[in-house]
Amino acid sequence: MSQQPTLAACLTCGACCQSFRVEFAVYELDDMGGQVPAALTEPVNGSTCRMQGTGTVPIRCVALHGTVGQTVACSIYDRRPRPCAELEEGSYGCNKARARHGLPPLGEWHGA
C-alpha cells in the first residue's frame, strides 16, 4: 500500500527549487497577462523566460525562502509558473530532487 504525501512535506523540503531550471513561456508573466512576477525572471529567448537563480549552478530559485530540508516557502506559490505547479509531490522529479539533497523519497512513484 502506498502512502500519499502531504502538503506539509513541501513546506519542509524545497529540494525542487534548488535542483531544476525553471523555464516557461513569457505569456505566464504578469506584464504579459499572466501571474508570474516578471521582476523575478530573466529572458531565455523571445518566447521563453526562467526564474532567476535557476539558470546557473548552484541552482536556487529567487522565490525560495528558508533552508532546504528544514523549513521553506515559495514567495510566489499562488503565482508560480506552470513547471512548478505541475511537479507533483512524491513524483519521480520530486524524489530525484530530494535525493540530490540527501532527503528520503516521498511515497511511492510508479512511473516508467
C-alpha atoms as a PDB file:
ATOM      1  CA  MET A   1       0.000   0.000   0.000  1.00  0.00           C
ATOM      2  CA  SER A   2       1.468   3.365  -0.986  1.00  0.00           C
ATOM      3  CA  GLN A   3       1.494   6.356   1.290  1.00  0.00           C
ATOM      4  CA  GLN A   4       0.116   9.614  -0.012  1.00  0.00           C
ATOM      5  CA  PRO A   5       2.495  12.506   0.720  1.00  0.00           C
ATOM      6  CA  THR A   6       1.036  15.540   2.426  1.00  0.00           C
ATOM      7  CA  LEU A   7       1.454  19.209   1.585  1.00  0.00           C
ATOM      8  CA  ALA A   8       3.446  19.539   4.817  1.00  0.00           C
ATOM      9  CA  ALA A   9       6.382  17.773   3.135  1.00  0.00           C
ATOM     10  CA  CYS A  10       6.718  20.622   0.615  1.00  0.00           C
ATOM     11  CA  LEU A  11       6.847  23.114   3.468  1.00  0.00           C
ATOM     12  CA  THR A  12       9.987  21.473   4.822  1.00  0.00           C
ATOM     13  CA  CYS A  13      11.602  20.365   1.573  1.00  0.00           C
ATOM     14  CA  GLY A  14      12.267  22.887  -1.216  1.00  0.00           C
ATOM     15  CA  ALA A  15      14.652  20.498  -2.993  1.00  0.00           C
ATOM     16  CA  CYS A  16      12.971  21.072  -6.357  1.00  0.00           C
ATOM     17  CA  CYS A  17      13.595  24.820  -6.035  1.00  0.00           C
ATOM     18  CA  GLN A  18      17.305  24.089  -5.720  1.00  0.00           C
ATOM     19  CA  SER A  19      17.525  21.386  -8.390  1.00  0.00           C
ATOM     20  CA  PHE A  20      15.789  22.328 -11.630  1.00  0.00           C
ATOM     21  CA  ARG A  21      15.967  25.023 -14.286  1.00  0.00           C
ATOM     22  CA  VAL A  22      12.510  26.604 -14.365  1.00  0.00           C
ATOM     23  CA  GLU A  23      11.775  27.802 -17.902  1.00  0.00           C
ATOM     24  CA  PHE A  24       8.350  28.746 -19.206  1.00  0.00           C
ATOM     25  CA  ALA A  25       6.509  30.832 -21.810  1.00  0.00           C
ATOM     26  CA  VAL A  26       6.690  34.603 -21.444  1.00  0.00           C
ATOM     27  CA  TYR A  27       2.882  34.621 -21.553  1.00  0.00           C
ATOM     28  CA  GLU A  28       2.891  33.471 -17.925  1.00  0.00           C
ATOM     29  CA  LEU A  29       4.499  36.781 -16.865  1.00  0.00           C
ATOM     30  CA  ASP A  30       2.340  39.340 -15.105  1.00  0.00           C
ATOM     31  CA  ASP A  31       3.326  42.044 -17.580  1.00  0.00           C
ATOM     32  CA  MET A  32       2.100  39.787 -20.408  1.00  0.00           C
ATOM     33  CA  GLY A  33      -1.274  38.985 -18.825  1.00  0.00           C
ATOM     34  CA  GLY A  34      -0.160  36.039 -16.677  1.00  0.00           C
ATOM     35  CA  GLN A  35       0.592  35.759 -12.966  1.00  0.00           C
ATOM     36  CA  VAL A  36       4.337  35.174 -12.532  1.00  0.00           C
ATOM     37  CA  PRO A  37       6.127  38.358 -11.385  1.00  0.00           C
ATOM     38  CA  ALA A  38       8.316  39.412 -14.317  1.00  0.00           C
ATOM     39  CA  ALA A  39      10.742  41.074 -11.893  1.00  0.00           C
ATOM     40  CA  LEU A  40      11.765  37.607 -10.632  1.00  0.00           C
ATOM     41  CA  THR A  41      12.575  36.222 -14.075  1.00  0.00           C
ATOM     42  CA  GLU A  42      15.204  36.547 -16.776  1.00  0.00           C
ATOM     43  CA  PRO A  43      14.837  36.168 -20.537  1.00  0.00           C
ATOM     44  CA  VAL A  44      15.965  32.999 -22.321  1.00  0.00           C
ATOM     45  CA  ASN A  45      14.800  33.992 -25.801  1.00  0.00           C
ATOM     46  CA  GLY A  46      11.880  35.922 -27.270  1.00  0.00           C
ATOM     47  CA  SER A  47       9.254  33.422 -26.161  1.00  0.00           C
ATOM     48  CA  THR A  48      10.810  31.815 -23.075  1.00  0.00           C
ATOM     49  CA  CYS A  49      11.991  33.069 -19.708  1.00  0.00           C
ATOM     50  CA  ARG A  50      13.131  31.428 -16.483  1.00  0.00           C
ATOM     51  CA  MET A  51      13.051  32.066 -12.783  1.00  0.00           C
ATOM     52  CA  GLN A  52      16.148  33.941 -11.620  1.00  0.00           C
ATOM     53  CA  GLY A  53      18.624  31.654  -9.919  1.00  0.00           C
ATOM     54  CA  THR A  54      17.636  28.539 -11.855  1.00  0.00           C
ATOM     55  CA  GLY A  55      19.846  29.079 -14.881  1.00  0.00           C
ATOM     56  CA  THR A  56      23.195  28.833 -13.113  1.00  0.00           C
ATOM     57  CA  VAL A  57      24.882  26.397 -10.754  1.00  0.00           C
ATOM     58  CA  PRO A  58      24.371  26.229  -7.871  1.00  0.00           C
ATOM     59  CA  ILE A  59      20.648  26.410  -8.589  1.00  0.00           C
ATOM     60  CA  ARG A  60      18.427  28.282  -6.160  1.00  0.00           C
ATOM     61  CA  CYS A  61      15.178  29.879  -7.283  1.00  0.00           C
ATOM     62  CA  VAL A  62      14.895  33.507  -6.243  1.00  0.00           C
ATOM     63  CA  ALA A  63      11.379  32.827  -4.877  1.00  0.00           C
ATOM     64  CA  LEU A  64      12.608  30.189  -2.400  1.00  0.00           C
ATOM     65  CA  HIS A  65      12.924  31.292   1.214  1.00  0.00           C
ATOM     66  CA  GLY A  66      14.311  29.171   4.019  1.00  0.00           C
ATOM     67  CA  THR A  67      16.607  26.175   4.283  1.00  0.00           C
ATOM     68  CA  VAL A  68      16.099  23.113   2.078  1.00  0.00           C
ATOM     69  CA  GLY A  69      15.138  20.083   4.144  1.00  0.00           C
ATOM     70  CA  GLN A  70      14.128  22.191   7.145  1.00  0.00           C
ATOM     71  CA  THR A  71      11.563  24.940   6.593  1.00  0.00           C
ATOM     72  CA  VAL A  72      10.915  26.587   3.233  1.00  0.00           C
ATOM     73  CA  ALA A  73       8.370  28.736   1.462  1.00  0.00           C
ATOM     74  CA  CYS A  74       7.811  29.964  -2.078  1.00  0.00           C
ATOM     75  CA  SER A  75       7.204  33.708  -2.108  1.00  0.00           C
ATOM     76  CA  ILE A  76       5.045  33.363  -5.239  1.00  0.00           C
ATOM     77  CA  TYR A  77       3.398  29.995  -4.557  1.00  0.00           C
ATOM     78  CA  ASP A  78      -0.071  31.142  -5.721  1.00  0.00           C
ATOM     79  CA  ARG A  79       1.504  32.734  -8.810  1.00  0.00           C
ATOM     80  CA  ARG A  80       4.237  30.161  -9.563  1.00  0.00           C
ATOM     81  CA  PRO A  81       4.938  29.154 -13.179  1.00  0.00           C
ATOM     82  CA  ARG A  82       3.496  26.060 -14.817  1.00  0.00           C
ATOM     83  CA  PRO A  83       6.590  23.817 -14.412  1.00  0.00           C
ATOM     84  CA  CYS A  84       6.440  24.362 -10.658  1.00  0.00           C
ATOM     85  CA  ALA A  85       2.694  23.825 -10.441  1.00  0.00           C
ATOM     86  CA  GLU A  86       2.924  20.620 -12.484  1.00  0.00           C
ATOM     87  CA  LEU A  87       5.661  18.988 -10.387  1.00  0.00           C
ATOM     88  CA  GLU A  88       3.810  16.560  -8.148  1.00  0.00           C
ATOM     89  CA  GLU A  89       4.921  15.810  -4.643  1.00  0.00           C
ATOM     90  CA  GLY A  90       6.270  12.262  -4.458  1.00  0.00           C
ATOM     91  CA  SER A  91       6.745  12.062  -8.250  1.00  0.00           C
ATOM     92  CA  TYR A  92       9.941  10.903  -9.938  1.00  0.00           C
ATOM     93  CA  GLY A  93      11.118  14.515 -10.365  1.00  0.00           C
ATOM     94  CA  CYS A  94      10.337  15.355  -6.750  1.00  0.00           C
ATOM     95  CA  ASN A  95      12.195  12.344  -5.417  1.00  0.00           C
ATOM     96  CA  LYS A  96      15.124  12.941  -7.782  1.00  0.00           C
ATOM     97  CA  ALA A  97      15.484  16.466  -6.369  1.00  0.00           C
ATOM     98  CA  ARG A  98      15.164  15.167  -2.814  1.00  0.00           C
ATOM     99  CA  ALA A  99      17.906  12.588  -3.446  1.00  0.00           C
ATOM    100  CA  ARG A 100      20.227  15.367  -4.691  1.00  0.00           C
ATOM    101  CA  HIS A 101      19.871  16.992  -1.283  1.00  0.00           C
ATOM    102  CA  GLY A 102      20.173  13.814   0.773  1.00  0.00           C
ATOM    103  CA  LEU A 103      16.460  13.674   1.626  1.00  0.00           C
ATOM    104  CA  PRO A 104      14.453  10.429   1.647  1.00  0.00           C
ATOM    105  CA  PRO A 105      11.846   9.804  -1.089  1.00  0.00           C
ATOM    106  CA  LEU A 106       8.179  10.602  -0.519  1.00  0.00           C
ATOM    107  CA  GLY A 107       5.555   7.912  -1.064  1.00  0.00           C
ATOM    108  CA  GLU A 108       5.952   5.541  -3.958  1.00  0.00           C
ATOM    109  CA  TRP A 109       6.409   6.629  -7.532  1.00  0.00           C
ATOM    110  CA  HIS A 110       5.139   4.146 -10.109  1.00  0.00           C
ATOM    111  CA  GLY A 111       6.476   5.524 -13.363  1.00  0.00           C
ATOM    112  CA  ALA A 112       8.104   4.125 -16.452  1.00  0.00           C
END
